[in-house]
Amino acid sequence: MLESISPIDGRYSNLTEEVRNCFSEYYLIKNRVFVEIEWLKKLISIKEINIESAYDDLKKLDKIINEFNEDEANEVKRIESVTKHDVKAVEYYLDKKFEEYNIEKFNQYVHFACTSEDINNLAYGIMIKKLLNDVYILNAEKVIEVLKDNAQKSADIPMLSHTHGQNATPTTVGKEFAIFVYRLSKILNKLKQEKVSGKLNGAVGNFNAHIVAFPEVDWIKISKEFVESFGLEYNLYTTQIESHDNICLIFSEMKLFNNIILDLDSDMWMYISRNYFKQENVKGEVGSSVMPHKINPINFENSMANVKMANGILGTFIDNLQVSRMQRDLSDSSMLRNIGTGIAYSIIAMKQTITGLNKVKVNEEHLLQELNNTPEVLAEAIQTVLRKNGVENAYEILKGLTRGKDISMDDIHKFIEELEINQDDKERLLKLEPKNYVGLAEEIAKSINK
C-alpha cells in the first residue's frame, strides 16, 4: 500500500474496499467472462441455431463462472500480453477452458457475432449498476441519515444566521441540517431512478452478421432479453458502442450530490471556525506540529478535497463519453476504466463528512451569547409589524435605528414602548428576543424526518 500511486489504494484504502469489491481490473475480466458464457448459453437456448448440448455441458459452463478467481484472471492477462487485445484474450481463455472441460464443441460459438463492445458495455454496465446500488447509494443514504438525526436533535436550538457573511435573522441549527437533508434526498431520489443501458447488436449496431448466419432468428427480441437479464435498460439504437448517455446522467447527478456535500463541508468548516460547534478532543490526535491547542476540522477539509477530485473526474466523463468519432474510437475505453476512481473519491468524501459530523457537538452556550449580543436582528420583525399597522417609512425608521450601530435590547424596548401601534402587536414585540425569533424553524426541521 505504501507504494500505491493513488491514495485510493494507499492512504485511503480502508475507505474504498467496497469499491474495489465491485469495480477493478479483476471484476472487469470476471464480468467479461460471465457475459461471454451467458451469451453462449443464450445461443444454446435458441432452437433455430440448434447447438447440441447436454445438461452436464451447461453445468460445466456455470462452473467456469463460479470458480473464476484471481489466478484465472491472471491467465487472461497472460494471454492479453500476447494478443494485445483484452476481449479477444477472454475468448482465447474460454477456448482453453472448454478444451479442459471437454466441451470444445462450443468454441465456434464463443463471442458469436459479437463485437468487443457487445461484451464490454455489458460487463461495465453490470459493474456500474452494482457500484451505484451497493456502494454509492448506500453511503449517500448514510450521510442523509446522520443529517436527519442532527436535524431532529438540534431542531429547537436557536442560531444566528448569516447572509452575505453578516448577522441576519435567527434560525435553528436543526433547520440548517434539514435543508441539506432535503437537497441531498432530492438528488438521490433522481439518481435511484436512473437506468444503466446496454446493447448487443454487432459491429455497428445493425445485427449484420447475425442476420446472414441465422436470418430466421428474431435477433432484436433475443438481444433485448439478454441485455435485460442483467437488469440493464435495452438500447437498440447504437453505433458500435452504447452511447453512454445514461451513465453520463448518473455521473451528472453524482456530481450534483457531491456539490451539496461540498456546500455542507464548507458551512461546517465556517461554523466550527465561529465556535458554533465544539470538536471532539480525540486522545492522541495532533492538530498542528507547533501549536498544541489546535483541533482542526480535518474530516471536512479532507471531504472537500475528495469531492473536488471526484467531480473533476466525473466532469471529464460527462464532457467526453458522449462523443465518439463516427462509429467508434478508443478514447472511451481508457476513460471507462477510471469510473471506479471517480466514485471512490466520492465515497471517501462522504465517509469523511460522516466522521466529521459525528465528532462535533453544538456549542449552545456560545450560540445563545451571540444571539443576545445581536438585538439588531429584530429590526426585520419590528418594521414588518409597523407596516402592518400602517406606519409610513417603516423600513427607513428601523434602518436609522439599527444599521451600522451598536444597540442594546433596552434600546429596542424603549423604541417599541414609544410606538403608537396595536397594543397586542406591541406586547408581542416586547416579548421578542433574538433567541425566540426563529419563526417556524423548529417545525420545519422536525418535519424533514416524516
Protein backbone atom coordinates (compact mmCIF):
# COMPACT_ATOMS: atom_id res chain seq x y z
CA MET A 1 0.00 0.00 0.00
CA LEU A 2 2.89 2.38 0.68
CA GLU A 3 3.92 2.05 -2.97
CA SER A 4 0.46 2.86 -4.36
CA ILE A 5 0.37 5.74 -6.80
CA SER A 6 -3.20 6.68 -5.93
CA PRO A 7 -4.30 7.42 -2.34
CA ILE A 8 -7.46 5.46 -3.15
CA ASP A 9 -5.49 2.23 -2.95
CA GLY A 10 -2.96 3.58 -0.48
CA ARG A 11 -3.70 6.08 2.26
CA TYR A 12 -7.48 5.71 1.98
CA SER A 13 -7.62 2.02 1.06
CA ASN A 14 -9.61 1.22 4.20
CA LEU A 15 -12.34 3.60 2.99
CA THR A 16 -12.57 2.22 -0.54
CA GLU A 17 -12.58 -1.56 -0.10
CA GLU A 18 -16.25 -1.79 -1.08
CA VAL A 19 -15.45 -0.02 -4.37
CA ARG A 20 -12.67 -2.47 -5.13
CA ASN A 21 -15.07 -5.32 -4.45
CA CYS A 22 -17.18 -4.42 -7.48
CA PHE A 23 -15.01 -2.28 -9.76
CA SER A 24 -11.45 -3.28 -10.60
CA GLU A 25 -9.47 -4.92 -13.39
CA TYR A 26 -10.27 -8.28 -11.82
CA TYR A 27 -14.01 -7.67 -11.79
CA LEU A 28 -13.92 -6.32 -15.33
CA ILE A 29 -12.28 -9.52 -16.56
CA LYS A 30 -14.63 -11.67 -14.47
CA ASN A 31 -17.70 -9.92 -15.85
CA ARG A 32 -16.43 -10.24 -19.41
CA VAL A 33 -16.12 -14.00 -18.86
CA PHE A 34 -19.58 -14.00 -17.28
CA VAL A 35 -21.16 -12.15 -20.23
CA GLU A 36 -19.43 -14.35 -22.82
CA ILE A 37 -20.66 -17.55 -21.15
CA GLU A 38 -24.17 -16.18 -20.61
CA TRP A 39 -24.30 -15.23 -24.30
CA LEU A 40 -23.24 -18.75 -25.24
CA LYS A 41 -25.99 -20.16 -23.01
CA LYS A 42 -28.49 -17.80 -24.66
CA LEU A 43 -27.41 -19.06 -28.10
CA ILE A 44 -27.81 -22.65 -26.91
CA SER A 45 -31.40 -21.84 -25.91
CA ILE A 46 -32.32 -20.65 -29.43
CA LYS A 47 -33.90 -23.61 -31.22
CA GLU A 48 -33.23 -22.23 -34.72
CA ILE A 49 -29.47 -22.35 -34.08
CA ASN A 50 -29.68 -25.94 -32.82
CA ILE A 51 -26.48 -26.13 -30.79
CA GLU A 52 -26.02 -29.67 -29.48
CA SER A 53 -25.75 -29.58 -25.70
CA ALA A 54 -26.47 -31.60 -22.59
CA TYR A 55 -27.37 -30.70 -19.02
CA ASP A 56 -23.82 -31.52 -17.89
CA ASP A 57 -22.44 -29.15 -20.52
CA LEU A 58 -24.40 -26.26 -19.03
CA LYS A 59 -23.23 -27.21 -15.55
CA LYS A 60 -19.64 -27.02 -16.79
CA LEU A 61 -20.26 -23.55 -18.20
CA ASP A 62 -21.65 -22.41 -14.84
CA LYS A 63 -18.69 -23.99 -13.08
CA ILE A 64 -16.27 -21.85 -15.11
CA ILE A 65 -18.08 -18.74 -13.87
CA ASN A 66 -18.48 -19.88 -10.28
CA GLU A 67 -14.86 -20.96 -9.88
CA PHE A 68 -13.35 -17.94 -11.59
CA ASN A 69 -10.72 -16.36 -9.31
CA GLU A 70 -7.64 -14.16 -9.45
CA ASP A 71 -5.48 -16.99 -10.81
CA GLU A 72 -7.89 -17.35 -13.72
CA ALA A 73 -7.89 -13.59 -14.26
CA ASN A 74 -4.10 -13.62 -14.35
CA GLU A 75 -4.26 -16.28 -17.04
CA VAL A 76 -6.46 -13.97 -19.11
CA LYS A 77 -3.91 -11.17 -18.57
CA ARG A 78 -1.11 -13.52 -19.70
CA ILE A 79 -2.99 -14.22 -22.93
CA GLU A 80 -3.63 -10.49 -23.36
CA SER A 81 0.10 -9.82 -23.14
CA VAL A 82 0.36 -11.73 -26.41
CA THR A 83 -2.86 -10.67 -28.17
CA LYS A 84 -2.68 -7.02 -27.07
CA HIS A 85 -6.49 -7.19 -27.06
CA ASP A 86 -8.31 -7.61 -23.77
CA VAL A 87 -11.62 -9.04 -25.01
CA LYS A 88 -10.02 -11.40 -27.53
CA ALA A 89 -7.92 -12.68 -24.64
CA VAL A 90 -11.12 -13.69 -22.85
CA GLU A 91 -12.28 -15.58 -25.96
CA TYR A 92 -8.99 -17.48 -26.18
CA TYR A 93 -9.11 -18.17 -22.44
CA LEU A 94 -12.57 -19.73 -22.81
CA ASP A 95 -11.39 -21.82 -25.76
CA LYS A 96 -8.75 -23.34 -23.48
CA LYS A 97 -11.20 -23.82 -20.60
CA PHE A 98 -13.66 -25.58 -22.90
CA GLU A 99 -10.92 -27.97 -24.01
CA GLU A 100 -10.09 -28.58 -20.35
CA TYR A 101 -13.76 -29.35 -19.61
CA ASN A 102 -14.19 -31.44 -22.80
CA ILE A 103 -16.78 -29.06 -24.26
CA GLU A 104 -14.63 -27.68 -27.07
CA LYS A 105 -17.63 -28.18 -29.39
CA PHE A 106 -18.77 -24.79 -28.09
CA ASN A 107 -15.61 -22.98 -29.18
CA GLN A 108 -17.08 -21.85 -32.51
CA TYR A 109 -19.91 -20.11 -30.65
CA VAL A 110 -17.77 -18.21 -28.15
CA HIS A 111 -18.15 -14.48 -28.91
CA PHE A 112 -20.52 -15.43 -31.73
CA ALA A 113 -21.49 -12.43 -33.94
CA CYS A 114 -20.22 -10.06 -31.24
CA THR A 115 -18.02 -7.03 -31.39
CA SER A 116 -15.86 -6.39 -28.35
CA GLU A 117 -18.17 -3.61 -27.24
CA ASP A 118 -21.09 -6.03 -27.00
CA ILE A 119 -19.19 -7.74 -24.21
CA ASN A 120 -17.51 -4.66 -22.74
CA ASN A 121 -20.58 -2.45 -22.41
CA LEU A 122 -22.48 -5.19 -20.60
CA ALA A 123 -19.57 -6.00 -18.30
CA TYR A 124 -19.22 -2.32 -17.41
CA GLY A 125 -22.98 -1.98 -17.09
CA ILE A 126 -23.09 -4.79 -14.53
CA MET A 127 -20.25 -3.19 -12.54
CA ILE A 128 -21.66 0.33 -12.68
CA LYS A 129 -25.10 -0.88 -11.60
CA LYS A 130 -23.60 -2.76 -8.64
CA LEU A 131 -21.32 0.15 -7.74
CA LEU A 132 -24.24 2.56 -7.86
CA ASN A 133 -26.73 0.47 -5.87
CA ASP A 134 -24.48 -1.37 -3.44
CA VAL A 135 -21.91 1.34 -2.72
CA TYR A 136 -22.70 4.90 -3.78
CA ILE A 137 -26.39 4.98 -2.87
CA LEU A 138 -25.85 3.17 0.43
CA ASN A 139 -23.16 5.64 1.50
CA ALA A 140 -25.27 8.58 0.34
CA GLU A 141 -28.15 7.30 2.46
CA LYS A 142 -25.85 7.11 5.48
CA VAL A 143 -24.92 10.78 5.08
CA ILE A 144 -28.59 11.72 4.90
CA GLU A 145 -29.45 9.65 7.98
CA VAL A 146 -26.73 11.34 10.05
CA LEU A 147 -28.03 14.74 8.95
CA LYS A 148 -31.62 13.73 9.75
CA ASP A 149 -30.54 12.70 13.23
CA ASN A 150 -28.78 16.03 13.74
CA ALA A 151 -31.79 17.92 12.41
CA GLN A 152 -34.02 16.21 14.94
CA LYS A 153 -31.69 16.62 17.91
CA SER A 154 -31.00 20.30 17.28
CA ALA A 155 -34.35 21.35 15.85
CA ASP A 156 -35.02 23.77 18.71
CA ILE A 157 -31.51 25.17 19.22
CA PRO A 158 -31.55 28.82 18.06
CA MET A 159 -28.66 30.12 15.99
CA LEU A 160 -27.80 33.41 14.36
CA SER A 161 -28.00 33.24 10.57
CA HIS A 162 -25.64 34.98 8.20
CA THR A 163 -26.42 36.36 4.78
CA HIS A 164 -23.53 37.88 2.82
CA GLY A 165 -21.44 36.99 5.88
CA GLN A 166 -23.39 39.47 8.01
CA ASN A 167 -25.65 38.94 11.00
CA ALA A 168 -29.15 38.02 9.83
CA THR A 169 -32.50 36.71 11.05
CA PRO A 170 -32.09 33.80 13.51
CA THR A 171 -32.75 30.19 12.58
CA THR A 172 -32.18 26.90 14.41
CA VAL A 173 -29.29 24.51 13.98
CA GLY A 174 -31.69 21.71 13.10
CA LYS A 175 -33.33 23.76 10.35
CA GLU A 176 -29.95 24.24 8.66
CA PHE A 177 -29.28 20.50 8.80
CA ALA A 178 -32.78 19.83 7.45
CA ILE A 179 -32.03 21.93 4.37
CA PHE A 180 -29.16 19.62 3.46
CA VAL A 181 -31.31 16.54 4.09
CA TYR A 182 -33.89 17.87 1.63
CA ARG A 183 -31.33 18.86 -1.01
CA LEU A 184 -29.41 15.59 -0.87
CA SER A 185 -32.57 13.46 -0.78
CA LYS A 186 -33.95 15.20 -3.85
CA ILE A 187 -30.87 14.41 -5.93
CA LEU A 188 -30.52 10.90 -4.52
CA ASN A 189 -34.13 10.06 -5.41
CA LYS A 190 -33.43 11.11 -9.00
CA LEU A 191 -30.26 9.03 -9.02
CA LYS A 192 -32.15 5.95 -7.83
CA GLN A 193 -34.44 6.21 -10.84
CA GLU A 194 -31.66 6.27 -13.42
CA LYS A 195 -31.00 3.16 -15.52
CA VAL A 196 -27.74 1.79 -16.85
CA SER A 197 -28.12 0.92 -20.54
CA GLY A 198 -26.72 -1.97 -22.50
CA LYS A 199 -26.58 -3.20 -26.08
CA LEU A 200 -25.75 -6.35 -28.04
CA ASN A 201 -26.18 -5.80 -31.76
CA GLY A 202 -22.87 -6.42 -33.51
CA ALA A 203 -20.11 -4.43 -35.13
CA VAL A 204 -22.06 -1.27 -36.00
CA GLY A 205 -25.38 -1.90 -34.25
CA ASN A 206 -27.37 -3.50 -37.10
CA PHE A 207 -27.11 -7.27 -36.42
CA ASN A 208 -25.40 -7.60 -39.83
CA ALA A 209 -23.58 -10.89 -39.18
CA HIS A 210 -26.43 -12.29 -37.09
CA ILE A 211 -28.90 -11.98 -39.94
CA VAL A 212 -26.57 -13.52 -42.52
CA ALA A 213 -25.88 -16.52 -40.28
CA PHE A 214 -29.42 -17.12 -38.95
CA PRO A 215 -31.97 -14.96 -40.80
CA GLU A 216 -34.90 -16.78 -39.22
CA VAL A 217 -34.00 -15.70 -35.64
CA ASP A 218 -35.68 -12.64 -34.09
CA TRP A 219 -32.38 -11.10 -33.07
CA ILE A 220 -33.83 -7.89 -31.66
CA LYS A 221 -36.02 -9.93 -29.28
CA ILE A 222 -33.12 -12.17 -28.30
CA SER A 223 -30.81 -9.20 -27.76
CA LYS A 224 -33.37 -7.35 -25.65
CA GLU A 225 -33.99 -10.39 -23.46
CA PHE A 226 -30.27 -10.88 -22.99
CA VAL A 227 -29.46 -7.29 -22.04
CA GLU A 228 -32.41 -7.03 -19.67
CA SER A 229 -31.41 -10.29 -17.95
CA PHE A 230 -28.59 -8.28 -16.33
CA GLY A 231 -31.00 -5.67 -15.00
CA LEU A 232 -29.93 -3.17 -17.65
CA GLU A 233 -32.09 -0.99 -19.90
CA TYR A 234 -32.02 -2.17 -23.51
CA ASN A 235 -30.66 0.23 -26.11
CA LEU A 236 -31.39 -0.79 -29.73
CA TYR A 237 -30.22 2.46 -31.32
CA THR A 238 -26.43 2.40 -31.19
CA THR A 239 -23.30 2.60 -33.27
CA GLN A 240 -20.57 0.11 -32.41
CA ILE A 241 -20.76 1.44 -28.85
CA GLU A 242 -23.56 2.06 -26.38
CA SER A 243 -23.78 5.84 -26.37
CA HIS A 244 -23.04 6.33 -22.63
CA ASP A 245 -25.83 8.90 -22.32
CA ASN A 246 -27.42 7.14 -19.36
CA ILE A 247 -24.25 6.74 -17.35
CA CYS A 248 -23.43 10.40 -18.02
CA LEU A 249 -26.81 11.27 -16.49
CA ILE A 250 -25.82 9.18 -13.48
CA PHE A 251 -22.45 10.92 -13.22
CA SER A 252 -24.15 14.32 -13.55
CA GLU A 253 -26.41 13.56 -10.59
CA MET A 254 -23.49 12.19 -8.59
CA LYS A 255 -21.68 15.44 -9.25
CA LEU A 256 -24.71 17.45 -8.07
CA PHE A 257 -24.93 15.32 -4.93
CA ASN A 258 -21.21 15.79 -4.31
CA ASN A 259 -21.54 19.55 -4.72
CA ILE A 260 -24.12 19.62 -1.94
CA ILE A 261 -21.70 17.64 0.25
CA LEU A 262 -19.08 20.28 -0.57
CA ASP A 263 -21.51 23.03 0.45
CA LEU A 264 -22.21 21.22 3.73
CA ASP A 265 -18.48 20.77 4.39
CA SER A 266 -17.85 24.45 3.73
CA ASP A 267 -20.63 25.56 6.08
CA MET A 268 -19.49 23.21 8.83
CA TRP A 269 -15.92 24.48 8.45
CA MET A 270 -17.11 28.06 8.91
CA TYR A 271 -19.45 27.19 11.78
CA ILE A 272 -16.59 25.47 13.57
CA SER A 273 -14.34 28.48 12.98
CA ARG A 274 -17.04 30.66 14.61
CA ASN A 275 -17.22 28.30 17.60
CA TYR A 276 -20.80 27.23 16.80
CA PHE A 277 -19.68 23.62 17.17
CA LYS A 278 -17.21 22.08 19.58
CA GLN A 279 -14.94 19.41 18.13
CA GLU A 280 -14.22 16.16 19.89
CA ASN A 281 -10.79 16.11 21.50
CA VAL A 282 -9.60 12.69 20.38
CA LYS A 283 -6.81 11.36 22.59
CA GLY A 284 -3.53 11.10 20.71
CA GLU A 285 -4.56 13.30 17.80
CA VAL A 286 -2.50 16.35 16.89
CA GLY A 287 -3.84 19.49 15.21
CA SER A 288 -0.56 21.24 14.49
CA SER A 289 3.12 20.38 14.55
CA VAL A 290 3.82 23.55 16.53
CA MET A 291 0.51 24.78 18.02
CA PRO A 292 -0.61 22.28 20.67
CA HIS A 293 -4.02 23.87 21.25
CA LYS A 294 -5.43 23.25 17.78
CA ILE A 295 -8.20 20.82 16.83
CA ASN A 296 -8.54 21.14 13.07
CA PRO A 297 -11.73 20.29 11.11
CA ILE A 298 -9.68 17.79 9.13
CA ASN A 299 -12.52 15.48 8.12
CA PHE A 300 -14.50 18.26 6.46
CA GLU A 301 -11.35 19.57 4.77
CA ASN A 302 -10.49 16.07 3.58
CA SER A 303 -14.02 15.62 2.27
CA MET A 304 -13.83 18.90 0.34
CA ALA A 305 -10.63 17.82 -1.38
CA ASN A 306 -12.02 14.42 -2.34
CA VAL A 307 -15.27 15.90 -3.64
CA LYS A 308 -13.26 18.13 -5.94
CA MET A 309 -11.19 15.17 -7.14
CA ALA A 310 -14.36 13.13 -7.71
CA ASN A 311 -16.15 15.90 -9.57
CA GLY A 312 -13.12 16.60 -11.72
CA ILE A 313 -13.15 13.00 -12.92
CA LEU A 314 -16.95 12.75 -13.19
CA GLY A 315 -16.97 16.02 -15.13
CA THR A 316 -14.42 14.59 -17.55
CA PHE A 317 -16.70 11.59 -18.15
CA ILE A 318 -19.70 13.86 -18.76
CA ASP A 319 -17.77 16.08 -21.18
CA ASN A 320 -16.21 13.27 -23.18
CA LEU A 321 -18.04 9.93 -23.05
CA GLN A 322 -20.99 11.09 -25.16
CA VAL A 323 -18.67 12.00 -28.04
CA SER A 324 -17.19 9.33 -30.32
CA ARG A 325 -15.83 9.83 -33.82
CA MET A 326 -18.31 8.24 -36.25
CA GLN A 327 -18.95 4.63 -35.28
CA ARG A 328 -16.20 4.28 -32.70
CA ASP A 329 -12.84 5.36 -31.37
CA LEU A 330 -10.92 4.01 -28.42
CA SER A 331 -10.86 7.11 -26.22
CA ASP A 332 -13.84 5.87 -24.20
CA SER A 333 -12.09 2.56 -23.48
CA SER A 334 -9.32 4.14 -21.44
CA MET A 335 -11.71 6.58 -19.81
CA LEU A 336 -14.21 3.95 -18.63
CA ARG A 337 -11.50 2.23 -16.61
CA ASN A 338 -11.44 5.27 -14.31
CA ILE A 339 -15.10 5.11 -13.28
CA GLY A 340 -14.17 3.35 -10.06
CA THR A 341 -11.69 6.12 -9.33
CA GLY A 342 -14.26 8.91 -9.63
CA ILE A 343 -16.75 7.10 -7.45
CA ALA A 344 -14.08 6.05 -4.92
CA TYR A 345 -13.18 9.70 -4.31
CA SER A 346 -16.90 10.37 -3.77
CA ILE A 347 -17.12 7.56 -1.21
CA ILE A 348 -14.07 8.85 0.66
CA ALA A 349 -15.66 12.31 0.80
CA MET A 350 -18.97 11.02 2.15
CA LYS A 351 -17.29 8.89 4.81
CA GLN A 352 -15.11 11.79 5.92
CA THR A 353 -18.16 14.06 6.17
CA ILE A 354 -19.95 11.48 8.32
CA THR A 355 -16.91 11.19 10.59
CA GLY A 356 -16.71 14.97 10.86
CA LEU A 357 -20.40 15.27 11.78
CA ASN A 358 -20.04 12.58 14.42
CA LYS A 359 -17.11 14.43 16.03
CA VAL A 360 -18.86 17.77 16.62
CA LYS A 361 -21.33 18.98 19.23
CA VAL A 362 -23.44 22.12 19.14
CA ASN A 363 -21.98 24.90 21.34
CA GLU A 364 -25.33 26.09 22.70
CA GLU A 365 -23.81 28.49 25.21
CA HIS A 366 -21.88 30.36 22.53
CA LEU A 367 -24.86 30.45 20.17
CA LEU A 368 -27.07 31.95 22.88
CA GLN A 369 -24.43 34.52 23.83
CA GLU A 370 -24.07 35.62 20.22
CA LEU A 371 -27.84 35.95 19.83
CA ASN A 372 -28.03 38.05 22.98
CA ASN A 373 -25.35 40.34 21.54
CA THR A 374 -27.20 40.96 18.27
CA PRO A 375 -30.57 42.58 19.12
CA GLU A 376 -30.43 44.46 15.80
CA VAL A 377 -31.66 41.34 14.01
CA LEU A 378 -35.12 42.10 15.46
CA ALA A 379 -35.34 45.09 13.11
CA GLU A 380 -36.90 42.88 10.45
CA ALA A 381 -39.75 41.87 12.76
CA ILE A 382 -40.37 45.37 14.10
CA GLN A 383 -40.52 47.08 10.70
CA THR A 384 -42.85 44.33 9.42
CA VAL A 385 -45.26 44.94 12.32
CA LEU A 386 -45.05 48.70 11.71
CA ARG A 387 -46.07 48.14 8.09
CA LYS A 388 -48.99 46.04 9.30
CA ASN A 389 -50.08 48.99 11.47
CA GLY A 390 -49.87 51.44 8.59
CA VAL A 391 -46.74 53.28 9.76
CA GLU A 392 -45.11 55.03 6.81
CA ASN A 393 -41.41 54.61 6.02
CA ALA A 394 -41.18 51.69 8.50
CA TYR A 395 -38.10 50.25 6.81
CA GLU A 396 -36.27 53.59 6.86
CA ILE A 397 -37.17 54.16 10.52
CA LEU A 398 -35.62 50.83 11.56
CA LYS A 399 -32.69 51.39 9.24
CA GLY A 400 -31.96 54.64 11.07
CA LEU A 401 -32.24 52.90 14.43
CA THR A 402 -30.07 49.85 13.73
CA ARG A 403 -27.93 49.95 10.58
CA GLY A 404 -24.22 50.00 11.45
CA LYS A 405 -24.93 50.80 15.09
CA ASP A 406 -24.35 49.07 18.41
CA ILE A 407 -27.69 48.91 20.15
CA SER A 408 -28.99 47.01 23.16
CA MET A 409 -32.23 45.26 23.99
CA ASP A 410 -33.00 48.25 26.23
CA ASP A 411 -32.76 50.48 23.17
CA ILE A 412 -35.07 48.14 21.29
CA HIS A 413 -37.62 48.06 24.12
CA LYS A 414 -37.57 51.84 24.54
CA PHE A 415 -38.23 52.22 20.81
CA ILE A 416 -41.13 49.73 20.93
CA GLU A 417 -42.70 51.39 24.02
CA GLU A 418 -42.92 54.68 22.17
CA LEU A 419 -44.67 53.19 19.14
CA GLU A 420 -48.32 54.10 18.51
CA ILE A 421 -49.48 50.70 17.27
CA ASN A 422 -51.96 47.98 18.21
CA GLN A 423 -51.38 47.00 21.87
CA ASP A 424 -51.31 43.26 21.15
CA ASP A 425 -48.66 43.83 18.49
CA LYS A 426 -46.66 45.99 20.89
CA GLU A 427 -46.76 43.35 23.63
CA ARG A 428 -45.72 40.67 21.15
CA LEU A 429 -42.74 42.77 20.08
CA LEU A 430 -41.74 43.44 23.69
CA LYS A 431 -41.58 39.70 24.34
CA LEU A 432 -39.43 39.15 21.30
CA GLU A 433 -35.75 38.22 21.72
CA PRO A 434 -33.24 37.03 19.12
CA LYS A 435 -33.31 33.54 20.66
CA ASN A 436 -37.06 33.15 20.18
CA TYR A 437 -37.27 34.98 16.86
CA VAL A 438 -36.95 31.77 14.84
CA GLY A 439 -40.32 31.57 13.11
CA LEU A 440 -41.26 28.00 12.17
CA ALA A 441 -37.65 26.78 12.05
CA GLU A 442 -38.18 24.08 14.69
CA GLU A 443 -41.32 22.79 12.99
CA ILE A 444 -39.62 22.75 9.59
CA ALA A 445 -36.58 20.94 11.00
CA LYS A 446 -38.68 18.22 12.62
CA SER A 447 -40.83 17.74 9.52
CA ILE A 448 -37.83 16.52 7.50
CA ASN A 449 -37.91 13.24 9.42
CA LYS A 450 -41.51 12.46 8.48
